C-alpha atoms as a PDB file:
ATOM      1  CA  UNK A   1     103.028 123.141  75.134  1.00  0.00           C
ATOM      2  CA  UNK A   2     100.915 125.808  72.787  1.00  0.00           C
ATOM      3  CA  UNK A   3      98.072 123.042  73.127  1.00  0.00           C
ATOM      4  CA  UNK A   4      98.050 123.464  77.151  1.00  0.00           C
ATOM      5  CA  UNK A   5      97.801 126.884  77.123  1.00  0.00           C
ATOM      6  CA  UNK A   6      95.076 127.009  74.779  1.00  0.00           C
ATOM      7  CA  UNK A   7      92.325 125.872  76.786  1.00  0.00           C
ATOM      8  CA  UNK A   8      93.057 128.723  79.128  1.00  0.00           C
ATOM      9  CA  UNK A   9      93.278 131.091  75.886  1.00  0.00           C
ATOM     10  CA  UNK A  10      89.918 129.874  75.058  1.00  0.00           C
ATOM     11  CA  UNK A  11      88.100 130.333  78.428  1.00  0.00           C
ATOM     12  CA  UNK A  12      89.349 133.643  79.134  1.00  0.00           C
ATOM     13  CA  UNK A  13      88.192 134.358  75.775  1.00  0.00           C
ATOM     14  CA  UNK A  14      84.709 133.256  76.702  1.00  0.00           C
ATOM     15  CA  UNK A  15      84.411 135.736  79.255  1.00  0.00           C
ATOM     16  CA  UNK A  16      85.548 138.751  77.369  1.00  0.00           C
ATOM     17  CA  UNK A  17      82.637 137.357  75.045  1.00  0.00           C
ATOM     18  CA  UNK A  18      79.932 137.191  77.488  1.00  0.00           C
ATOM     19  CA  UNK A  19      80.914 140.371  78.784  1.00  0.00           C
ATOM     20  CA  UNK A  20      80.210 141.745  75.480  1.00  0.00           C
ATOM     21  CA  UNK A  21      77.381 140.107  74.424  1.00  0.00           C
ATOM     22  CA  UNK A  22      75.719 141.652  77.640  1.00  0.00           C
ATOM     23  CA  UNK A  23      73.771 138.536  78.316  1.00  0.00           C
ATOM     24  CA  UNK A  24      75.364 137.753  81.944  1.00  0.00           C
ATOM     25  CA  UNK A  25      74.414 140.912  83.860  1.00  0.00           C
ATOM     26  CA  UNK A  26      77.627 142.956  84.890  1.00  0.00           C
ATOM     27  CA  UNK A  27      76.626 142.550  88.842  1.00  0.00           C
ATOM     28  CA  UNK A  28      77.379 138.446  87.902  1.00  0.00           C
ATOM     29  CA  UNK A  29      81.512 139.155  87.347  1.00  0.00           C
ATOM     30  CA  UNK A  30      82.070 141.127  91.144  1.00  0.00           C
ATOM     31  CA  UNK A  31      80.273 137.893  92.624  1.00  0.00           C
ATOM     32  CA  UNK A  32      81.655 135.621  90.744  1.00  0.00           C
ATOM     33  CA  UNK A  33      85.437 136.996  91.229  1.00  0.00           C
ATOM     34  CA  UNK A  34      84.362 136.914  94.971  1.00  0.00           C
ATOM     35  CA  UNK A  35      83.676 133.058  95.263  1.00  0.00           C
ATOM     36  CA  UNK A  36      86.102 131.986  93.161  1.00  0.00           C
ATOM     37  CA  UNK A  37      89.329 133.773  94.911  1.00  0.00           C
ATOM     38  CA  UNK A  38      87.396 133.151  98.540  1.00  0.00           C
ATOM     39  CA  UNK A  39      85.446 129.749  98.368  1.00  0.00           C
ATOM     40  CA  UNK A  40      86.849 127.820  94.795  1.00  0.00           C
ATOM     41  CA  UNK A  41      90.379 128.509  95.063  1.00  0.00           C
ATOM     42  CA  UNK A  42      91.146 127.981  98.221  1.00  0.00           C
ATOM     43  CA  UNK A  43      89.336 124.377  98.128  1.00  0.00           C
ATOM     44  CA  UNK A  44      91.591 123.951  95.525  1.00  0.00           C
ATOM     45  CA  UNK A  45      94.373 124.314  97.658  1.00  0.00           C
ATOM     46  CA  UNK A  46      93.115 122.163 100.719  1.00  0.00           C
ATOM     47  CA  UNK A  47      92.443 119.506  98.694  1.00  0.00           C
ATOM     48  CA  UNK A  48      96.037 119.823  96.711  1.00  0.00           C
ATOM     49  CA  UNK A  49      98.055 119.938  99.866  1.00  0.00           C
ATOM     50  CA  UNK A  50      96.199 117.635 101.790  1.00  0.00           C
ATOM     51  CA  UNK A  51      96.553 114.498  99.236  1.00  0.00           C
ATOM     52  CA  UNK A  52     100.242 115.673  98.944  1.00  0.00           C
ATOM     53  CA  UNK A  53     103.298 113.902 100.199  1.00  0.00           C
ATOM     54  CA  UNK A  54     105.072 117.177 101.155  1.00  0.00           C
ATOM     55  CA  UNK A  55     108.049 115.196 102.051  1.00  0.00           C
ATOM     56  CA  UNK A  56     109.043 114.785  98.613  1.00  0.00           C
ATOM     57  CA  UNK A  57     108.751 118.666  97.411  1.00  0.00           C
ATOM     58  CA  UNK A  58     112.016 120.281  98.045  1.00  0.00           C
ATOM     59  CA  UNK A  59     110.141 123.460  99.387  1.00  0.00           C
ATOM     60  CA  UNK A  60     113.863 125.130 100.637  1.00  0.00           C
ATOM     61  CA  UNK A  61     115.333 125.167  96.614  1.00  0.00           C
ATOM     62  CA  UNK A  62     111.827 126.436  95.557  1.00  0.00           C
ATOM     63  CA  UNK A  63     111.755 129.106  98.096  1.00  0.00           C
ATOM     64  CA  UNK A  64     115.581 130.135  97.044  1.00  0.00           C
ATOM     65  CA  UNK A  65     114.606 130.274  93.109  1.00  0.00           C
ATOM     66  CA  UNK A  66     111.912 132.381  93.842  1.00  0.00           C
ATOM     67  CA  UNK A  67     112.436 134.423  96.815  1.00  0.00           C
ATOM     68  CA  UNK A  68     115.345 136.381  95.793  1.00  0.00           C
ATOM     69  CA  UNK A  69     114.524 137.561  92.506  1.00  0.00           C
ATOM     70  CA  UNK A  70     111.169 139.129  93.934  1.00  0.00           C
ATOM     71  CA  UNK A  71     113.107 140.853  96.911  1.00  0.00           C
ATOM     72  CA  UNK A  72     115.523 142.149  94.316  1.00  0.00           C
ATOM     73  CA  UNK A  73     113.260 142.751  91.882  1.00  0.00           C
ATOM     74  CA  UNK A  74     111.088 145.348  94.268  1.00  0.00           C
ATOM     75  CA  UNK A  75     113.922 147.976  94.663  1.00  0.00           C
ATOM     76  CA  UNK A  76     114.531 147.731  90.810  1.00  0.00           C
ATOM     77  CA  UNK A  77     111.370 148.396  89.336  1.00  0.00           C
ATOM     78  CA  UNK A  78     110.315 151.360  91.531  1.00  0.00           C
ATOM     79  CA  UNK A  79     113.647 152.603  90.878  1.00  0.00           C
ATOM     80  CA  UNK A  80     112.923 152.004  87.325  1.00  0.00           C
ATOM     81  CA  UNK A  81     109.648 153.548  87.182  1.00  0.00           C
ATOM     82  CA  UNK A  82     110.883 156.421  88.747  1.00  0.00           C
ATOM     83  CA  UNK A  83     113.619 156.825  86.071  1.00  0.00           C
ATOM     84  CA  UNK A  84     110.834 156.869  83.802  1.00  0.00           C
ATOM     85  CA  UNK A  85     109.139 160.144  85.425  1.00  0.00           C
ATOM     86  CA  UNK A  86     106.002 157.882  87.035  1.00  0.00           C
ATOM     87  CA  UNK A  87     105.185 159.540  90.388  1.00  0.00           C
ATOM     88  CA  UNK A  88     104.381 157.207  93.303  1.00  0.00           C
ATOM     89  CA  UNK A  89     101.343 156.136  92.758  1.00  0.00           C
ATOM     90  CA  UNK A  90     102.227 154.773  89.307  1.00  0.00           C
ATOM     91  CA  UNK A  91     105.746 153.492  90.677  1.00  0.00           C
ATOM     92  CA  UNK A  92     103.393 151.358  92.745  1.00  0.00           C
ATOM     93  CA  UNK A  93     101.289 150.014  89.845  1.00  0.00           C
ATOM     94  CA  UNK A  94     104.456 149.208  87.941  1.00  0.00           C
ATOM     95  CA  UNK A  95     105.817 146.849  91.231  1.00  0.00           C
ATOM     96  CA  UNK A  96     102.464 145.238  91.561  1.00  0.00           C
ATOM     97  CA  UNK A  97     102.526 144.669  87.496  1.00  0.00           C
ATOM     98  CA  UNK A  98     106.216 143.380  88.286  1.00  0.00           C
ATOM     99  CA  UNK A  99     105.809 140.588  91.580  1.00  0.00           C
ATOM    100  CA  UNK A 100     102.156 139.723  91.798  1.00  0.00           C
ATOM    101  CA  UNK A 101     100.987 136.649  89.939  1.00  0.00           C
ATOM    102  CA  UNK A 102      97.539 135.600  88.541  1.00  0.00           C
ATOM    103  CA  UNK A 103      96.878 132.654  90.648  1.00  0.00           C
ATOM    104  CA  UNK A 104      94.107 131.067  88.199  1.00  0.00           C
ATOM    105  CA  UNK A 105      96.472 131.306  85.257  1.00  0.00           C
ATOM    106  CA  UNK A 106      99.279 129.302  87.307  1.00  0.00           C
ATOM    107  CA  UNK A 107      97.282 126.677  88.511  1.00  0.00           C
ATOM    108  CA  UNK A 108      95.459 126.419  85.362  1.00  0.00           C
ATOM    109  CA  UNK A 109      98.299 125.930  83.833  1.00  0.00           C
ATOM    110  CA  UNK A 110     100.312 124.166  86.341  1.00  0.00           C
ATOM    111  CA  UNK A 111      97.000 121.385  86.542  1.00  0.00           C
ATOM    112  CA  UNK A 112      97.135 120.817  82.634  1.00  0.00           C
ATOM    113  CA  UNK A 113     100.365 120.273  82.218  1.00  0.00           C
ATOM    114  CA  UNK A 114     100.925 117.911  85.622  1.00  0.00           C
ATOM    115  CA  UNK A 115      97.855 117.347  87.337  1.00  0.00           C
ATOM    116  CA  UNK A 116      97.676 117.245  90.785  1.00  0.00           C
ATOM    117  CA  UNK A 117     101.250 116.861  91.933  1.00  0.00           C
ATOM    118  CA  UNK A 118     101.914 120.351  89.475  1.00  0.00           C
ATOM    119  CA  UNK A 119      98.668 121.685  91.560  1.00  0.00           C
ATOM    120  CA  UNK A 120     100.373 120.971  94.500  1.00  0.00           C
ATOM    121  CA  UNK A 121     104.010 122.524  93.562  1.00  0.00           C
ATOM    122  CA  UNK A 122     101.732 125.539  92.858  1.00  0.00           C
ATOM    123  CA  UNK A 123      99.958 125.460  96.425  1.00  0.00           C
ATOM    124  CA  UNK A 124     103.372 125.175  98.051  1.00  0.00           C
ATOM    125  CA  UNK A 125     104.407 128.224  95.936  1.00  0.00           C
ATOM    126  CA  UNK A 126     101.768 130.573  96.890  1.00  0.00           C
ATOM    127  CA  UNK A 127     101.718 129.557 100.211  1.00  0.00           C
ATOM    128  CA  UNK A 128     105.203 131.256 100.670  1.00  0.00           C
ATOM    129  CA  UNK A 129     105.174 134.165  97.887  1.00  0.00           C
ATOM    130  CA  UNK A 130     101.301 135.130  98.724  1.00  0.00           C
ATOM    131  CA  UNK A 131     102.575 136.573 102.334  1.00  0.00           C
ATOM    132  CA  UNK A 132     105.621 138.052 100.738  1.00  0.00           C
ATOM    133  CA  UNK A 133     104.372 139.706  97.794  1.00  0.00           C
ATOM    134  CA  UNK A 134     101.806 141.426  99.829  1.00  0.00           C
ATOM    135  CA  UNK A 135     104.249 142.657 102.918  1.00  0.00           C
ATOM    136  CA  UNK A 136     106.270 143.922 100.027  1.00  0.00           C
ATOM    137  CA  UNK A 137     103.562 145.773  98.017  1.00  0.00           C
ATOM    138  CA  UNK A 138     102.246 147.474 101.217  1.00  0.00           C
ATOM    139  CA  UNK A 139     105.209 148.252 101.888  1.00  0.00           C
ATOM    140  CA  UNK A 140     105.881 149.917  98.667  1.00  0.00           C
ATOM    141  CA  UNK A 141     102.571 152.170  98.786  1.00  0.00           C
ATOM    142  CA  UNK A 142     103.864 153.352 102.514  1.00  0.00           C
ATOM    143  CA  UNK A 143     107.222 154.697 100.886  1.00  0.00           C
ATOM    144  CA  UNK A 144     105.690 156.045  97.558  1.00  0.00           C
ATOM    145  CA  UNK A 145     102.234 156.991  98.512  1.00  0.00           C
ATOM    146  CA  UNK A 146     102.119 157.739 102.124  1.00  0.00           C
ATOM    147  CA  UNK A 147      99.546 154.854 102.739  1.00  0.00           C
ATOM    148  CA  UNK A 148     100.915 153.673 106.334  1.00  0.00           C
ATOM    149  CA  UNK A 149      98.745 150.921 107.125  1.00  0.00           C
ATOM    150  CA  UNK A 150      99.412 149.998 110.699  1.00  0.00           C
ATOM    151  CA  UNK A 151     101.365 146.515 111.610  1.00  0.00           C
ATOM    152  CA  UNK A 152      98.510 144.687 113.105  1.00  0.00           C
ATOM    153  CA  UNK A 153      96.493 145.638 109.777  1.00  0.00           C
ATOM    154  CA  UNK A 154      98.927 144.047 107.217  1.00  0.00           C
ATOM    155  CA  UNK A 155      99.426 140.939 109.626  1.00  0.00           C
ATOM    156  CA  UNK A 156      95.401 140.559 109.651  1.00  0.00           C
ATOM    157  CA  UNK A 157      95.540 141.034 105.987  1.00  0.00           C
ATOM    158  CA  UNK A 158      97.938 138.179 105.725  1.00  0.00           C
ATOM    159  CA  UNK A 159      96.626 135.934 107.569  1.00  0.00           C
ATOM    160  CA  UNK A 160      93.163 136.217 106.478  1.00  0.00           C
ATOM    161  CA  UNK A 161      94.073 136.027 102.885  1.00  0.00           C
ATOM    162  CA  UNK A 162      91.729 133.051 101.821  1.00  0.00           C
ATOM    163  CA  UNK A 163      94.850 131.674  99.882  1.00  0.00           C
ATOM    164  CA  UNK A 164      96.859 131.224 102.520  1.00  0.00           C
ATOM    165  CA  UNK A 165      94.582 129.964 104.641  1.00  0.00           C
ATOM    166  CA  UNK A 166      93.570 127.207 101.870  1.00  0.00           C
ATOM    167  CA  UNK A 167      97.660 126.525 102.019  1.00  0.00           C
ATOM    168  CA  UNK A 168      97.867 126.392 105.906  1.00  0.00           C
ATOM    169  CA  UNK A 169      94.756 124.277 106.368  1.00  0.00           C
ATOM    170  CA  UNK A 170      96.078 121.621 103.331  1.00  0.00           C
ATOM    171  CA  UNK A 171      99.278 121.692 104.548  1.00  0.00           C
ATOM    172  CA  UNK A 172      98.481 120.588 108.235  1.00  0.00           C
ATOM    173  CA  UNK A 173      95.970 117.806 106.662  1.00  0.00           C
ATOM    174  CA  UNK A 174      98.748 116.451 105.050  1.00  0.00           C
ATOM    175  CA  UNK A 175     101.618 116.690 107.679  1.00  0.00           C
ATOM    176  CA  UNK A 176      99.428 115.320 110.490  1.00  0.00           C
ATOM    177  CA  UNK A 177      98.505 112.458 108.472  1.00  0.00           C
ATOM    178  CA  UNK A 178      94.815 113.536 108.622  1.00  0.00           C
ATOM    179  CA  UNK A 179      93.947 113.874 105.245  1.00  0.00           C
ATOM    180  CA  UNK A 180      90.759 114.081 103.546  1.00  0.00           C
ATOM    181  CA  UNK A 181      87.828 111.883 103.703  1.00  0.00           C
ATOM    182  CA  UNK A 182      84.352 111.324 102.959  1.00  0.00           C
ATOM    183  CA  UNK A 183      81.797 113.905 102.556  1.00  0.00           C
ATOM    184  CA  UNK A 184      84.322 116.526 103.372  1.00  0.00           C
ATOM    185  CA  UNK A 185      86.536 116.063 100.244  1.00  0.00           C
ATOM    186  CA  UNK A 186      83.817 115.184  98.157  1.00  0.00           C
ATOM    187  CA  UNK A 187      82.815 118.693  98.595  1.00  0.00           C
ATOM    188  CA  UNK A 188      85.877 120.189  98.096  1.00  0.00           C
ATOM    189  CA  UNK A 189      86.850 118.172  95.143  1.00  0.00           C
ATOM    190  CA  UNK A 190      83.228 119.377  93.772  1.00  0.00           C
ATOM    191  CA  UNK A 191      84.146 123.259  94.639  1.00  0.00           C
ATOM    192  CA  UNK A 192      87.905 122.756  93.393  1.00  0.00           C
ATOM    193  CA  UNK A 193      86.995 121.372  89.979  1.00  0.00           C
ATOM    194  CA  UNK A 194      85.192 124.971  89.822  1.00  0.00           C
ATOM    195  CA  UNK A 195      87.827 126.993  90.451  1.00  0.00           C
ATOM    196  CA  UNK A 196      90.357 127.222  87.296  1.00  0.00           C
ATOM    197  CA  UNK A 197      87.545 127.641  84.814  1.00  0.00           C
ATOM    198  CA  UNK A 198      85.384 130.326  87.211  1.00  0.00           C
ATOM    199  CA  UNK A 199      88.522 132.179  87.442  1.00  0.00           C
ATOM    200  CA  UNK A 200      89.447 132.216  84.175  1.00  0.00           C
ATOM    201  CA  UNK A 201      86.346 133.802  82.776  1.00  0.00           C
ATOM    202  CA  UNK A 202      86.238 136.550  85.416  1.00  0.00           C
ATOM    203  CA  UNK A 203      89.904 137.449  83.837  1.00  0.00           C
ATOM    204  CA  UNK A 204      88.421 137.936  80.443  1.00  0.00           C
ATOM    205  CA  UNK A 205      85.456 139.373  81.551  1.00  0.00           C
ATOM    206  CA  UNK A 206      87.575 142.159  83.700  1.00  0.00           C
ATOM    207  CA  UNK A 207      90.144 142.810  81.046  1.00  0.00           C
ATOM    208  CA  UNK A 208      89.892 146.724  79.814  1.00  0.00           C
ATOM    209  CA  UNK A 209      91.337 147.319  76.065  1.00  0.00           C
ATOM    210  CA  UNK A 210      90.502 151.142  76.370  1.00  0.00           C
ATOM    211  CA  UNK A 211      93.180 151.510  79.643  1.00  0.00           C
ATOM    212  CA  UNK A 212      96.084 150.263  77.144  1.00  0.00           C
ATOM    213  CA  UNK A 213      96.654 152.908  75.605  1.00  0.00           C
ATOM    214  CA  UNK A 214      97.559 155.316  79.233  1.00  0.00           C
ATOM    215  CA  UNK A 215     100.998 155.398  80.023  1.00  0.00           C
ATOM    216  CA  UNK A 216     102.979 153.217  77.943  1.00  0.00           C
ATOM    217  CA  UNK A 217     106.347 153.836  79.254  1.00  0.00           C
ATOM    218  CA  UNK A 218     105.253 152.602  82.842  1.00  0.00           C
ATOM    219  CA  UNK A 219     102.949 149.766  81.025  1.00  0.00           C
ATOM    220  CA  UNK A 220     105.695 148.645  78.674  1.00  0.00           C
ATOM    221  CA  UNK A 221     108.198 148.094  81.926  1.00  0.00           C
ATOM    222  CA  UNK A 222     105.710 146.319  83.708  1.00  0.00           C
ATOM    223  CA  UNK A 223     105.422 143.697  81.152  1.00  0.00           C
ATOM    224  CA  UNK A 224     108.918 143.596  80.234  1.00  0.00           C
ATOM    225  CA  UNK A 225     109.709 143.184  83.690  1.00  0.00           C
ATOM    226  CA  UNK A 226     106.844 140.334  84.277  1.00  0.00           C
ATOM    227  CA  UNK A 227     106.574 138.609  81.140  1.00  0.00           C
ATOM    228  CA  UNK A 228     110.484 138.931  80.461  1.00  0.00           C
ATOM    229  CA  UNK A 229     112.641 139.534  83.751  1.00  0.00           C
ATOM    230  CA  UNK A 230     110.970 137.498  86.445  1.00  0.00           C
ATOM    231  CA  UNK A 231     111.066 134.358  83.884  1.00  0.00           C
ATOM    232  CA  UNK A 232     114.503 134.339  83.009  1.00  0.00           C
ATOM    233  CA  UNK A 233     115.987 134.580  86.156  1.00  0.00           C
ATOM    234  CA  UNK A 234     113.582 132.341  87.985  1.00  0.00           C
ATOM    235  CA  UNK A 235     114.980 130.182  85.136  1.00  0.00           C
ATOM    236  CA  UNK A 236     118.458 130.770  85.445  1.00  0.00           C
ATOM    237  CA  UNK A 237     117.715 130.108  89.044  1.00  0.00           C
ATOM    238  CA  UNK A 238     115.930 126.375  89.099  1.00  0.00           C
ATOM    239  CA  UNK A 239     118.656 125.521  87.106  1.00  0.00           C
ATOM    240  CA  UNK A 240     121.406 126.681  89.176  1.00  0.00           C
ATOM    241  CA  UNK A 241     119.727 124.832  92.582  1.00  0.00           C
ATOM    242  CA  UNK A 242     119.226 121.779  90.930  1.00  0.00           C
ATOM    243  CA  UNK A 243     115.854 121.758  90.350  1.00  0.00           C
ATOM    244  CA  UNK A 244     114.149 119.449  87.789  1.00  0.00           C
ATOM    245  CA  UNK A 245     110.783 118.359  86.615  1.00  0.00           C
ATOM    246  CA  UNK A 246     107.474 119.567  87.861  1.00  0.00           C
ATOM    247  CA  UNK A 247     108.831 121.622  90.815  1.00  0.00           C
ATOM    248  CA  UNK A 248     111.004 123.479  88.072  1.00  0.00           C
ATOM    249  CA  UNK A 249     108.774 123.708  85.568  1.00  0.00           C
ATOM    250  CA  UNK A 250     105.978 125.021  87.819  1.00  0.00           C
ATOM    251  CA  UNK A 251     108.184 127.660  89.535  1.00  0.00           C
ATOM    252  CA  UNK A 252     108.649 128.640  86.158  1.00  0.00           C
ATOM    253  CA  UNK A 253     105.214 128.919  85.394  1.00  0.00           C
ATOM    254  CA  UNK A 254     104.609 131.584  88.400  1.00  0.00           C
ATOM    255  CA  UNK A 255     107.719 133.502  87.080  1.00  0.00           C
ATOM    256  CA  UNK A 256     105.826 133.743  83.804  1.00  0.00           C
ATOM    257  CA  UNK A 257     102.324 133.963  84.606  1.00  0.00           C
ATOM    258  CA  UNK A 258     100.530 137.468  84.301  1.00  0.00           C
ATOM    259  CA  UNK A 259      99.971 140.092  87.186  1.00  0.00           C
ATOM    260  CA  UNK A 260      97.455 139.238  89.378  1.00  0.00           C
ATOM    261  CA  UNK A 261      93.200 140.431  88.393  1.00  0.00           C
ATOM    262  CA  UNK A 262      93.271 141.790  92.254  1.00  0.00           C
ATOM    263  CA  UNK A 263      95.803 144.096  91.636  1.00  0.00           C
ATOM    264  CA  UNK A 264      93.600 146.822  90.533  1.00  0.00           C
ATOM    265  CA  UNK A 265      91.349 146.742  93.933  1.00  0.00           C
ATOM    266  CA  UNK A 266      94.772 147.425  95.628  1.00  0.00           C
ATOM    267  CA  UNK A 267      95.604 150.059  93.819  1.00  0.00           C
ATOM    268  CA  UNK A 268      91.951 151.821  94.400  1.00  0.00           C
ATOM    269  CA  UNK A 269      92.140 150.823  97.828  1.00  0.00           C
ATOM    270  CA  UNK A 270      95.676 152.096  98.573  1.00  0.00           C
ATOM    271  CA  UNK A 271      95.608 154.960  96.240  1.00  0.00           C
ATOM    272  CA  UNK A 272      97.720 153.728  93.484  1.00  0.00           C
ATOM    273  CA  UNK A 273      97.550 154.563  89.761  1.00  0.00           C
ATOM    274  CA  UNK A 274      94.503 152.381  89.005  1.00  0.00           C
ATOM    275  CA  UNK A 275      94.009 153.087  85.377  1.00  0.00           C
ATOM    276  CA  UNK A 276      97.541 151.743  84.518  1.00  0.00           C
ATOM    277  CA  UNK A 277      97.284 148.916  86.778  1.00  0.00           C
ATOM    278  CA  UNK A 278      94.010 148.044  84.335  1.00  0.00           C
ATOM    279  CA  UNK A 279      95.937 148.074  81.353  1.00  0.00           C
ATOM    280  CA  UNK A 280      99.179 146.352  82.924  1.00  0.00           C
ATOM    281  CA  UNK A 281      96.562 143.520  83.632  1.00  0.00           C
ATOM    282  CA  UNK A 282      94.942 143.093  80.270  1.00  0.00           C
ATOM    283  CA  UNK A 283      98.504 143.511  78.282  1.00  0.00           C
ATOM    284  CA  UNK A 284     100.325 141.212  79.998  1.00  0.00           C
ATOM    285  CA  UNK A 285      97.172 138.811  80.083  1.00  0.00           C
ATOM    286  CA  UNK A 286      96.859 138.946  76.365  1.00  0.00           C
ATOM    287  CA  UNK A 287     100.627 138.955  75.700  1.00  0.00           C
ATOM    288  CA  UNK A 288     101.869 136.007  78.412  1.00  0.00           C
ATOM    289  CA  UNK A 289      99.546 133.835  76.383  1.00  0.00           C
ATOM    290  CA  UNK A 290     102.264 134.604  73.531  1.00  0.00           C
ATOM    291  CA  UNK A 291     105.282 134.293  75.506  1.00  0.00           C
ATOM    292  CA  UNK A 292     104.495 131.336  78.361  1.00  0.00           C
ATOM    293  CA  UNK A 293     105.316 128.918  75.761  1.00  0.00           C
ATOM    294  CA  UNK A 294     108.887 130.285  75.382  1.00  0.00           C
ATOM    295  CA  UNK A 295     109.769 130.000  79.096  1.00  0.00           C
ATOM    296  CA  UNK A 296     108.205 126.474  79.999  1.00  0.00           C
END
């Protein structure tokens, strides 16, 4: 397991090194992040789902193993952050650290360990967890910070999410039997092959060690919730539901992965504690490389 995670660590470290050496202009990383999230990863999702036999995946049990954990943890993490004396913006930052997951780490490890089947299962999980997490986080901002976007705005945010669109397109191609062929398949494969590597380098380039020293108690809470509590709960759930093999393993990979780098952007847009989120992202990414082998 350590050997499977090591390539991810090395690619993240390469991103850190390239950012420190200043050999790549700072503006490059924002563009690379944009392309990775909006073009390359959706291409990977389309290819993975279009060529997967979705009828063989226990989608109902995957949902039961993950969704209740997120629903219960949302109010609990907000209450725990409040008990630590966190204000509303900091509470939303702890929540993002607790329930969001890094797609590039999850897909990278699933693909490394289980190939196309692992990627397909990860895509299915992302298909229903990404919209759920978006609704929970936006709702938390409305309650804790007073930012109340309209239902239309929230619906559009979810419907236009490139990861959700990739999942929907891939699932339709698979269920309809249309699939992918010819130049279109070859094009998407080329894009998909670049998704994980560039995404992981962007994670490394975005790490901010200077943010780690701020608000240590809420930061530690977010790390403990995401890297200990969530994977422990999901691990118990998959066993209780009788999930085994790739499905069980990928569900735990998702649960044990660090929070999404995009949490920082959302915190800035909706009035969260962005410096706290930056610290959470950095610490979770580094610590997760040590904790994930324990859970998987």
